[in-house]
Structure formats: structure tokens, C-alpha cells
Protein backbone atom coordinates (compact mmCIF):
# COMPACT_ATOMS: atom_id res chain seq x y z
CA MET A 1 0.00 0.00 0.00
CA LEU A 2 1.27 3.46 -0.87
CA ASN A 3 2.10 5.92 1.87
CA THR A 4 0.21 8.70 0.11
CA LYS A 5 0.54 11.19 2.94
CA MET A 6 4.33 10.94 2.87
CA ILE A 7 4.29 11.19 -0.92
CA TYR A 8 2.20 14.37 -0.68
CA ARG A 9 4.49 15.77 1.96
CA ILE A 10 7.69 15.11 0.02
CA MET A 11 6.18 16.41 -3.22
CA GLY A 12 5.01 19.56 -1.46
CA PHE A 13 8.48 20.20 -0.09
CA LEU A 14 10.09 19.61 -3.48
CA ILE A 15 7.64 21.97 -5.17
CA LEU A 16 8.55 24.60 -2.59
CA ILE A 17 12.20 24.13 -3.59
CA GLU A 18 11.14 24.80 -7.18
CA THR A 19 9.31 27.89 -5.91
CA ALA A 20 12.53 29.17 -4.33
CA MET A 21 14.32 28.73 -7.64
CA LEU A 22 11.56 30.63 -9.42
CA LEU A 23 12.01 33.46 -6.91
CA SER A 24 15.58 33.91 -8.08
CA CYS A 25 14.27 34.41 -11.62
CA ILE A 26 11.95 37.13 -10.34
CA GLY A 27 15.04 38.93 -9.08
CA VAL A 28 16.67 38.67 -12.51
CA SER A 29 13.51 39.92 -14.23
CA LEU A 30 13.29 42.85 -11.83
CA TYR A 31 16.94 43.72 -12.34
CA TYR A 32 16.64 43.79 -16.14
CA GLN A 33 13.07 45.20 -16.08
CA GLU A 34 11.84 42.80 -18.74
CA ASP A 35 8.36 41.63 -19.67
CA ASP A 36 8.64 38.11 -18.25
CA LEU A 37 8.13 39.27 -14.66
CA ASN A 38 4.37 38.61 -14.53
CA SER A 39 4.80 35.04 -15.76
CA PHE A 40 7.29 34.36 -12.96
CA LEU A 41 5.08 36.02 -10.34
CA LEU A 42 2.06 33.94 -11.37
CA THR A 43 4.06 30.71 -11.59
CA THR A 44 5.64 31.35 -8.20
CA CYS A 45 2.22 31.90 -6.63
CA ILE A 46 0.86 28.71 -8.22
CA THR A 47 3.81 26.59 -7.08
CA PHE A 48 3.82 28.13 -3.59
CA ILE A 49 0.12 27.41 -3.07
CA THR A 50 0.37 23.89 -4.53
CA GLY A 51 3.44 23.04 -2.45
CA ASN A 52 1.81 24.20 0.76
CA LEU A 53 -1.45 22.37 -0.01
CA LEU A 54 0.49 19.15 -0.57
CA LEU A 55 2.39 19.70 2.69
CA LEU A 56 -0.94 20.09 4.50
CA MET A 57 -2.29 16.95 2.86
CA GLY A 58 0.81 15.09 4.02
CA ARG A 59 0.83 16.13 7.66
CA ASN A 60 0.90 13.33 10.23
CA ALA A 61 2.41 11.00 7.63
CA GLU A 62 3.91 7.69 8.66
CA LYS A 63 7.69 8.05 8.37
CA SER A 64 8.40 5.12 6.11
CA LEU A 65 8.76 4.62 2.38
CA SER A 66 8.62 1.43 0.37
CA LYS A 67 10.31 0.89 -2.98
CA ARG A 68 6.94 1.41 -4.61
CA ASP A 69 6.63 4.80 -2.88
CA GLY A 70 10.08 5.66 -4.20
CA TYR A 71 9.14 4.78 -7.76
CA VAL A 72 5.96 6.85 -7.49
CA ILE A 73 7.81 9.88 -6.12
CA VAL A 74 10.52 9.76 -8.78
CA SER A 75 7.94 9.42 -11.56
CA ILE A 76 5.76 12.20 -10.24
CA VAL A 77 8.69 14.57 -9.62
CA TRP A 78 9.72 14.52 -13.28
CA VAL A 79 6.22 15.28 -14.53
CA VAL A 80 5.21 17.81 -11.85
CA PHE A 81 8.48 19.76 -12.03
CA THR A 82 8.08 19.92 -15.81
CA ILE A 83 4.46 21.08 -15.64
CA PHE A 84 5.30 23.88 -13.21
CA GLY A 85 8.60 24.60 -14.92
CA MET A 86 7.00 25.17 -18.31
CA LEU A 87 4.63 27.84 -17.01
CA PRO A 88 7.04 30.82 -17.26
CA PHE A 89 7.78 29.97 -20.91
CA TYR A 90 4.11 29.52 -21.73
CA LEU A 91 2.64 32.37 -19.69
CA SER A 92 5.21 34.87 -20.96
CA GLY A 93 4.23 34.05 -24.54
CA TYR A 94 7.78 33.30 -25.65
CA ILE A 95 6.80 29.67 -26.17
CA PRO A 96 3.06 30.01 -26.89
CA ASP A 97 2.41 26.30 -27.45
CA ILE A 98 1.96 24.11 -24.36
CA THR A 99 3.51 21.09 -26.06
CA ASN A 100 6.64 23.02 -27.00
CA ALA A 101 6.90 24.59 -23.54
CA PHE A 102 6.59 21.12 -21.97
CA PHE A 103 9.21 19.72 -24.37
CA GLU A 104 11.66 22.57 -23.72
CA THR A 105 11.32 22.14 -19.96
CA MET A 106 11.48 18.34 -19.95
CA SER A 107 14.51 18.54 -22.22
CA GLY A 108 16.21 20.72 -19.62
CA PHE A 109 15.29 18.58 -16.64
CA THR A 110 16.51 15.45 -18.43
CA THR A 111 19.59 17.22 -19.87
CA THR A 112 18.64 15.94 -23.31
CA GLY A 113 20.12 19.00 -25.00
CA ALA A 114 17.27 19.37 -27.49
CA THR A 115 15.47 22.68 -27.86
CA ILE A 116 12.61 24.10 -29.88
CA LEU A 117 14.02 27.63 -29.68
CA ASP A 118 15.67 29.08 -32.78
CA ASN A 119 17.22 32.14 -31.17
CA ILE A 120 17.77 31.36 -27.50
CA GLU A 121 19.62 34.63 -26.86
CA SER A 122 16.49 36.62 -27.75
CA LEU A 123 14.70 35.42 -24.60
CA PRO A 124 14.50 37.82 -21.64
CA HIS A 125 17.22 37.37 -19.02
CA GLY A 126 14.77 35.91 -16.49
CA LEU A 127 13.70 33.14 -18.87
CA LEU A 128 17.32 32.48 -19.84
CA PHE A 129 18.18 32.19 -16.17
CA TRP A 130 15.21 29.84 -15.60
CA ARG A 131 16.29 27.72 -18.56
CA SER A 132 19.80 27.54 -17.07
CA ILE A 133 18.42 26.54 -13.66
CA ILE A 134 16.31 23.80 -15.26
CA GLN A 135 19.36 22.37 -17.00
CA TRP A 136 21.45 22.69 -13.84
CA ILE A 137 18.83 20.76 -11.87
CA GLY A 138 18.78 18.13 -14.61
CA GLY A 139 22.55 17.91 -14.55
CA LEU A 140 22.60 17.33 -10.83
CA GLY A 141 19.76 14.90 -11.09
CA ILE A 142 16.34 15.84 -9.84
CA VAL A 143 16.47 12.87 -7.47
CA PHE A 144 19.45 14.45 -5.71
CA PHE A 145 17.04 16.99 -4.26
CA THR A 146 14.72 14.21 -3.19
CA ILE A 147 17.57 12.33 -1.53
CA ALA A 148 18.68 15.51 0.23
CA VAL A 149 15.14 16.18 1.45
CA LEU A 150 14.18 12.74 2.77
CA PRO A 151 16.27 12.87 5.96
CA ILE A 152 14.27 15.95 6.97
CA PHE A 153 11.19 13.74 7.04
CA GLY A 154 12.92 10.94 8.89
CA VAL A 155 12.84 8.39 6.08
CA GLY A 156 15.62 6.69 4.15
CA SER A 157 16.64 7.66 0.64
CA MET A 158 17.61 4.25 -0.69
CA GLN A 159 14.13 3.62 -2.11
CA LEU A 160 14.41 6.67 -4.35
CA PHE A 161 18.00 5.91 -5.25
CA ALA A 162 16.95 2.42 -6.33
CA ALA A 163 14.05 3.86 -8.33
CA GLU A 164 16.33 6.27 -10.18
CA ALA A 165 19.05 3.71 -10.91
């Protein structure tokens, strides 16, 4: 049986980490005074609310994870991070197609190296910074964040490591 409360709790915390990374892009957009600021503000609000709701849904969770829980978390992290990560591209209008925004973001998180953008340098600095962060996270491995977070919740990280390997 899945420990859904712990899955919610971990996902909420990871989404809040993504929110913190989005906040850094707000700073870049403010510094350069470019038109991508509103897309970052809206995305940050959405991720902040979602992360906190998931944390609330996961309160009083049993502090144990099975291998199945690990597989579920790893699978969900890739998709959820990509869905939230594509929002600044889509909402800013620089990648107006949801499919292309999803592809660009998933490509970054998986460090595939593929892009749909013809002239990357024409993006505002905030979106360029976000694109760099996405690729940096992918390079480190999104599961690294999960492994770093699990001890906070008092559970082991080997289930997620096994799921990623």
C-alpha cells in the first residue's frame, strides 16, 4: 500500500524548492526590467500554493517509504516539475504552445540538449536564467534533491536511489 501522505508531503516540499528557484528568476527579471516578470510572479504563486497544499495533505504522515513509494515519487517529480517549470515559458508568450513549452522544460530537466528555440539569446534574461536553472537541476539529477530532502522527514533515501538507478 502506498504511503500517500508521505508522498504528498515530500512532493510539497520539493515543489517549494522549485518555488525558491523561481524566486531567483523574479530577481533577474526585476533587475533587467523585462516583460517576463508577470509570468514568474504567477508561476511562483501557483507553485507556492500547490506546495503548501500538498504539505498540508501530508501532515501526520507515517515516516516510512517502500520501494513502490520511491518509484511513485521519482515518476511524479519529473512530470510535476516539468508542468510547473514550463509555465514561465508559456505564460510569458515566448513559447506560446503548451507542447513546445513542456518539451523545452522536460529537455532541460533530463539534460537531453534538445530545444525548440531558434534564437535562445532573444529570450529575456529571467527566462534564460530559468532555462539555465532547469538544465542545472537536470545535470545534478532531480532525485538528488529528493535524496537531500528525505532525511528531513525521517525516512531513508535508498528507495528513491533504487528507483532512479
